[in-house]
Amino acid sequence: MSRMPHRLAAAFVVLSALPLAVPAQAASVGPQTLHGRTLELEGLVAHVEITVSPSAKEITVTATGDDDQVNRLSFHSEGDKAKVEQEHRHHEHYSDRDFMKVSVTLPAGTALSVDDFVGDLTAGDLNADLAVADLHSGSITVGRVQAAALDVTGSGDITVGDVAKAVSVEIKGSGKVRTGKTSGAVSLEISGSGNVDMASVNGAVSAEIHGSGNVTIHAGKADPLSVDIAGSGDFTLDGVATNQSISQHGSGQVHIRNGR
């Protein structure tokens, strides 16, 4: 019987000692039923699709994906809040396989809060409050809302339809925020290279630009208007501004079509 060559035999021993790659296992959970006037999504790394249903009486959530990610989900209902949370490991890096698919049915009028998010999320007309904190990367697209508090800390983008009440936006990275018509007070703060684009305003507008990002408002009336620029970004209002307070300490410019 022929013997295996010495070098080949040694290589065989080394390769045999290596751990075999184990393919990721798919898992699913749900539908989970939750109760609350506000749905909180915290720490998700996911593709999230939210269906707003006038006939729904409760919140339902279904998740599918890699079992290592799905098994880190927890679901809670307490008082008027429902919460879906994903536990993270420190210094974790994400690949495409880490993104779960999460499907949510939301009763009309339920507020939505998204915190520490990576991925993409779409939702129809909430007709309720929207809060986004620490969007790191990806995109969030939501229809009409009541009030909006939007915080981008990375490269993520947020698009919101018409806003019936107050809007606050804070961008600390390169992300973008777009809104439809707004009817309440507007507060904007950019400390990075991100941009804010708004269809129109009708009320008090306050903007602080401490980076290279720009604010563009395409129509409406700002009363009063307060703008503070300490960077290279520009503020543009293609509308009317009254009771103006303008402070410029950088190279950025303020452009107002009709100010008085």
Protein backbone atom coordinates (compact mmCIF):
# COMPACT_ATOMS: atom_id res chain seq x y z
CA MET A 1 0.00 0.00 0.00
CA SER A 2 1.43 3.38 -0.97
CA ARG A 3 2.13 5.86 1.76
CA MET A 4 0.98 9.48 1.80
CA PRO A 5 3.93 11.82 1.12
CA HIS A 6 5.32 13.29 4.36
CA ARG A 7 4.54 16.95 3.49
CA LEU A 8 1.00 16.15 2.36
CA ALA A 9 0.40 14.12 5.50
CA ALA A 10 1.56 17.04 7.66
CA ALA A 11 -0.72 19.44 5.80
CA PHE A 12 -3.62 17.03 6.23
CA VAL A 13 -3.05 16.97 9.99
CA VAL A 14 -2.99 20.79 10.18
CA LEU A 15 -6.12 21.22 8.08
CA SER A 16 -7.93 18.54 10.03
CA ALA A 17 -7.25 20.46 13.22
CA LEU A 18 -8.87 23.67 11.91
CA PRO A 19 -12.47 24.35 13.01
CA LEU A 20 -15.04 23.91 10.29
CA ALA A 21 -17.00 27.00 9.25
CA VAL A 22 -20.54 26.70 10.49
CA PRO A 23 -23.15 28.35 8.26
CA ALA A 24 -25.48 30.84 9.90
CA GLN A 25 -28.80 29.38 10.91
CA ALA A 26 -32.03 31.15 10.04
CA ALA A 27 -34.50 31.86 12.81
CA SER A 28 -37.82 33.61 13.24
CA VAL A 29 -39.88 34.93 16.10
CA GLY A 30 -43.46 36.12 16.22
CA PRO A 31 -45.91 37.36 15.65
CA GLN A 32 -45.39 38.91 19.08
CA THR A 33 -48.33 40.92 20.42
CA LEU A 34 -47.65 44.15 22.32
CA HIS A 35 -49.83 46.86 23.83
CA GLY A 36 -49.06 50.56 24.18
CA ARG A 37 -49.62 54.04 22.81
CA THR A 38 -45.92 54.30 21.89
CA LEU A 39 -43.72 51.69 20.20
CA GLU A 40 -40.04 51.91 21.10
CA LEU A 41 -37.43 50.24 18.86
CA GLU A 42 -34.03 50.18 20.53
CA GLY A 43 -30.70 48.91 19.26
CA LEU A 44 -32.04 47.24 16.14
CA VAL A 45 -29.79 46.22 13.26
CA ALA A 46 -32.49 45.49 10.74
CA HIS A 47 -34.65 46.17 7.74
CA VAL A 48 -37.89 47.31 9.34
CA GLU A 49 -41.22 47.62 7.54
CA ILE A 50 -44.07 49.20 9.50
CA THR A 51 -47.65 48.97 8.31
CA VAL A 52 -50.00 51.48 9.92
CA SER A 53 -53.48 49.98 10.16
CA PRO A 54 -56.63 51.89 11.19
CA SER A 55 -58.30 48.58 12.06
CA ALA A 56 -55.48 47.13 14.20
CA LYS A 57 -56.15 46.98 17.95
CA GLU A 58 -52.68 45.88 19.04
CA ILE A 59 -49.06 46.01 17.93
CA THR A 60 -47.70 42.88 16.26
CA VAL A 61 -44.04 42.20 15.49
CA THR A 62 -42.40 39.44 13.44
CA ALA A 63 -38.64 39.05 12.94
CA THR A 64 -36.62 36.72 10.71
CA GLY A 65 -32.89 36.42 10.12
CA ASP A 66 -29.68 34.98 11.49
CA ASP A 67 -30.43 33.17 14.74
CA ASP A 68 -27.59 34.95 16.56
CA GLN A 69 -29.33 38.27 15.92
CA VAL A 70 -32.95 37.18 16.29
CA ASN A 71 -32.25 35.46 19.61
CA ARG A 72 -31.04 38.76 21.06
CA LEU A 73 -34.46 40.36 20.68
CA SER A 74 -36.68 41.05 23.66
CA PHE A 75 -40.29 42.24 23.75
CA HIS A 76 -41.94 44.20 26.56
CA SER A 77 -45.22 45.99 27.28
CA GLU A 78 -45.35 48.27 30.30
CA GLY A 79 -47.91 50.98 30.92
CA ASP A 80 -48.55 52.86 27.70
CA LYS A 81 -45.23 51.79 26.11
CA ALA A 82 -44.33 48.75 24.03
CA LYS A 83 -40.66 48.00 23.44
CA VAL A 84 -38.63 45.85 21.05
CA GLU A 85 -34.94 45.76 21.98
CA GLN A 86 -31.89 44.04 20.53
CA GLU A 87 -28.92 43.34 22.77
CA HIS A 88 -25.49 44.15 21.32
CA ARG A 89 -21.99 42.98 21.96
CA HIS A 90 -19.33 45.64 22.49
CA HIS A 91 -17.30 46.70 19.43
CA GLU A 92 -19.48 44.65 17.13
CA HIS A 93 -19.17 45.06 13.36
CA TYR A 94 -22.07 44.28 11.06
CA SER A 95 -22.26 42.50 7.73
CA ASP A 96 -25.25 42.03 5.44
CA ARG A 97 -26.23 38.78 7.13
CA ASP A 98 -26.63 40.58 10.46
CA PHE A 99 -29.61 42.58 9.24
CA MET A 100 -32.84 40.98 10.33
CA LYS A 101 -36.14 41.59 8.61
CA VAL A 102 -38.65 43.00 11.07
CA SER A 103 -42.32 43.46 10.13
CA VAL A 104 -44.57 45.55 12.36
CA THR A 105 -48.29 46.25 12.28
CA LEU A 106 -49.04 49.46 14.14
CA PRO A 107 -52.49 50.77 15.09
CA ALA A 108 -53.11 54.23 13.61
CA GLY A 109 -52.25 56.98 16.08
CA THR A 110 -49.45 55.01 17.79
CA ALA A 111 -46.31 57.08 18.40
CA LEU A 112 -42.95 55.70 17.25
CA SER A 113 -39.57 56.02 18.96
CA VAL A 114 -36.37 54.71 17.31
CA ASP A 115 -33.10 54.71 19.25
CA ASP A 116 -29.57 53.47 18.44
CA PHE A 117 -30.53 52.23 14.98
CA VAL A 118 -28.60 50.76 12.04
CA GLY A 119 -30.45 49.72 8.89
CA ASP A 120 -33.49 50.99 7.06
CA LEU A 121 -37.04 51.61 8.23
CA THR A 122 -40.17 52.55 6.31
CA ALA A 123 -43.57 53.48 7.69
CA GLY A 124 -46.73 55.09 6.37
CA ASP A 125 -48.61 58.04 7.84
CA LEU A 126 -48.26 57.76 11.62
CA ASN A 127 -50.40 60.80 12.44
CA ALA A 128 -48.63 60.56 15.80
CA ASP A 129 -45.32 61.69 17.27
CA LEU A 130 -42.00 60.45 15.86
CA ALA A 131 -38.72 60.44 17.80
CA VAL A 132 -35.40 59.26 16.35
CA ALA A 133 -32.26 59.25 18.52
CA ASP A 134 -28.81 58.09 17.44
CA LEU A 135 -29.40 57.03 13.85
CA HIS A 136 -25.92 55.73 13.02
CA SER A 137 -26.31 54.65 9.40
CA GLY A 138 -29.04 53.71 6.98
CA SER A 139 -32.33 55.44 6.32
CA ILE A 140 -35.68 56.11 7.97
CA THR A 141 -38.67 57.09 5.86
CA VAL A 142 -42.00 57.95 7.50
CA GLY A 143 -45.16 59.63 6.22
CA ARG A 144 -47.15 62.33 8.03
CA VAL A 145 -46.50 62.81 11.75
CA GLN A 146 -47.65 65.09 14.55
CA ALA A 147 -44.40 66.24 16.21
CA ALA A 148 -40.90 65.14 15.17
CA ALA A 149 -37.64 64.98 17.17
CA LEU A 150 -34.87 63.77 14.84
CA ASP A 151 -31.26 63.06 15.84
CA VAL A 152 -28.61 61.77 13.40
CA THR A 153 -25.21 60.88 14.84
CA GLY A 154 -23.68 59.26 11.76
CA SER A 155 -24.33 59.03 8.05
CA GLY A 156 -28.00 58.13 8.18
CA ASP A 157 -30.81 59.87 6.32
CA ILE A 158 -34.30 60.67 7.63
CA THR A 159 -37.25 61.59 5.42
CA VAL A 160 -40.55 62.65 6.99
CA GLY A 161 -43.77 63.85 5.41
CA ASP A 162 -45.78 66.82 6.67
CA VAL A 163 -45.36 67.65 10.37
CA ALA A 164 -48.40 69.10 12.15
CA LYS A 165 -46.57 70.37 15.24
CA ALA A 166 -43.03 71.15 16.37
CA VAL A 167 -39.89 69.85 14.67
CA SER A 168 -36.43 69.54 16.21
CA VAL A 169 -33.44 68.29 14.24
CA GLU A 170 -29.90 67.64 15.43
CA ILE A 171 -27.19 66.35 13.08
CA LYS A 172 -23.75 65.46 14.45
CA GLY A 173 -22.50 63.65 11.37
CA SER A 174 -22.93 63.65 7.61
CA GLY A 175 -26.56 62.59 7.54
CA LYS A 176 -29.49 64.32 5.87
CA VAL A 177 -32.96 65.21 7.14
CA ARG A 178 -35.85 66.06 4.82
CA THR A 179 -39.35 67.08 5.84
CA GLY A 180 -42.56 68.12 4.15
CA LYS A 181 -44.61 71.10 5.32
CA THR A 182 -44.27 72.05 8.98
CA SER A 183 -46.85 73.96 11.01
CA GLY A 184 -45.14 74.39 14.38
CA ALA A 185 -41.90 75.72 15.83
CA VAL A 186 -38.71 74.52 14.12
CA SER A 187 -35.37 74.02 15.90
CA LEU A 188 -32.34 72.98 13.83
CA GLU A 189 -28.76 72.26 14.91
CA ILE A 190 -25.93 71.04 12.68
CA SER A 191 -22.47 70.32 14.06
CA GLY A 192 -21.24 68.21 11.16
CA SER A 193 -21.51 68.16 7.39
CA GLY A 194 -25.13 67.05 7.25
CA ASN A 195 -27.95 68.92 5.53
CA VAL A 196 -31.54 69.82 6.38
CA ASP A 197 -34.11 70.28 3.61
CA MET A 198 -37.67 71.41 4.45
CA ALA A 199 -40.58 72.00 2.09
CA SER A 200 -42.03 74.92 4.08
CA VAL A 201 -42.33 76.43 7.55
CA ASN A 202 -45.01 78.41 9.36
CA GLY A 203 -43.88 79.60 12.77
CA ALA A 204 -40.77 80.23 14.81
CA VAL A 205 -37.51 78.99 13.25
CA SER A 206 -34.20 78.65 15.07
CA ALA A 207 -31.08 77.35 13.31
CA GLU A 208 -27.53 76.82 14.57
CA ILE A 209 -24.85 75.75 12.09
CA HIS A 210 -21.47 74.90 13.61
CA GLY A 211 -20.17 72.81 10.74
CA SER A 212 -20.23 72.70 6.97
CA GLY A 213 -23.82 71.53 6.63
CA ASN A 214 -26.58 73.55 4.99
CA VAL A 215 -30.19 74.36 5.82
CA THR A 216 -32.61 74.90 2.93
CA ILE A 217 -36.26 75.88 3.44
CA HIS A 218 -38.15 76.15 0.18
CA ALA A 219 -41.18 78.21 1.22
CA GLY A 220 -43.21 79.60 4.09
CA LYS A 221 -42.94 82.19 6.84
CA ALA A 222 -40.48 82.21 9.73
CA ASP A 223 -41.64 84.42 12.61
CA PRO A 224 -39.40 84.96 14.45
CA LEU A 225 -36.22 83.77 12.73
CA SER A 226 -32.98 83.14 14.63
CA VAL A 227 -29.86 81.99 12.77
CA ASP A 228 -26.40 81.44 14.29
CA ILE A 229 -23.61 80.38 11.92
CA ALA A 230 -20.16 79.55 13.27
CA GLY A 231 -19.04 77.37 10.38
CA SER A 232 -19.03 77.25 6.60
CA GLY A 233 -22.61 76.11 6.13
CA ASP A 234 -25.35 78.23 4.57
CA PHE A 235 -28.92 78.98 5.62
CA THR A 236 -31.43 79.59 2.82
CA LEU A 237 -35.10 80.52 3.19
CA ASP A 238 -37.03 80.96 -0.04
CA GLY A 239 -39.87 82.64 1.81
CA VAL A 240 -40.67 85.35 4.34
CA ALA A 241 -38.82 86.04 7.60
CA THR A 242 -39.83 88.57 10.26
CA ASN A 243 -38.25 89.55 13.57
CA GLN A 244 -34.85 88.33 12.46
CA SER A 245 -31.83 87.68 14.66
CA ILE A 246 -28.78 86.78 12.56
CA SER A 247 -25.30 85.97 13.91
CA GLN A 248 -22.44 85.01 11.57
CA HIS A 249 -18.98 84.05 12.83
CA GLY A 250 -17.87 81.80 10.00
CA SER A 251 -17.80 81.79 6.23
CA GLY A 252 -21.37 80.58 5.92
CA GLN A 253 -24.06 82.81 4.42
CA VAL A 254 -27.72 83.57 5.15
CA HIS A 255 -30.03 83.95 2.15
CA ILE A 256 -33.64 85.11 2.62
CA ARG A 257 -35.91 85.89 -0.30
CA ASN A 258 -38.17 88.32 1.59
CA GLY A 259 -37.03 89.40 5.03
CA ARG A 260 -38.12 92.26 7.21
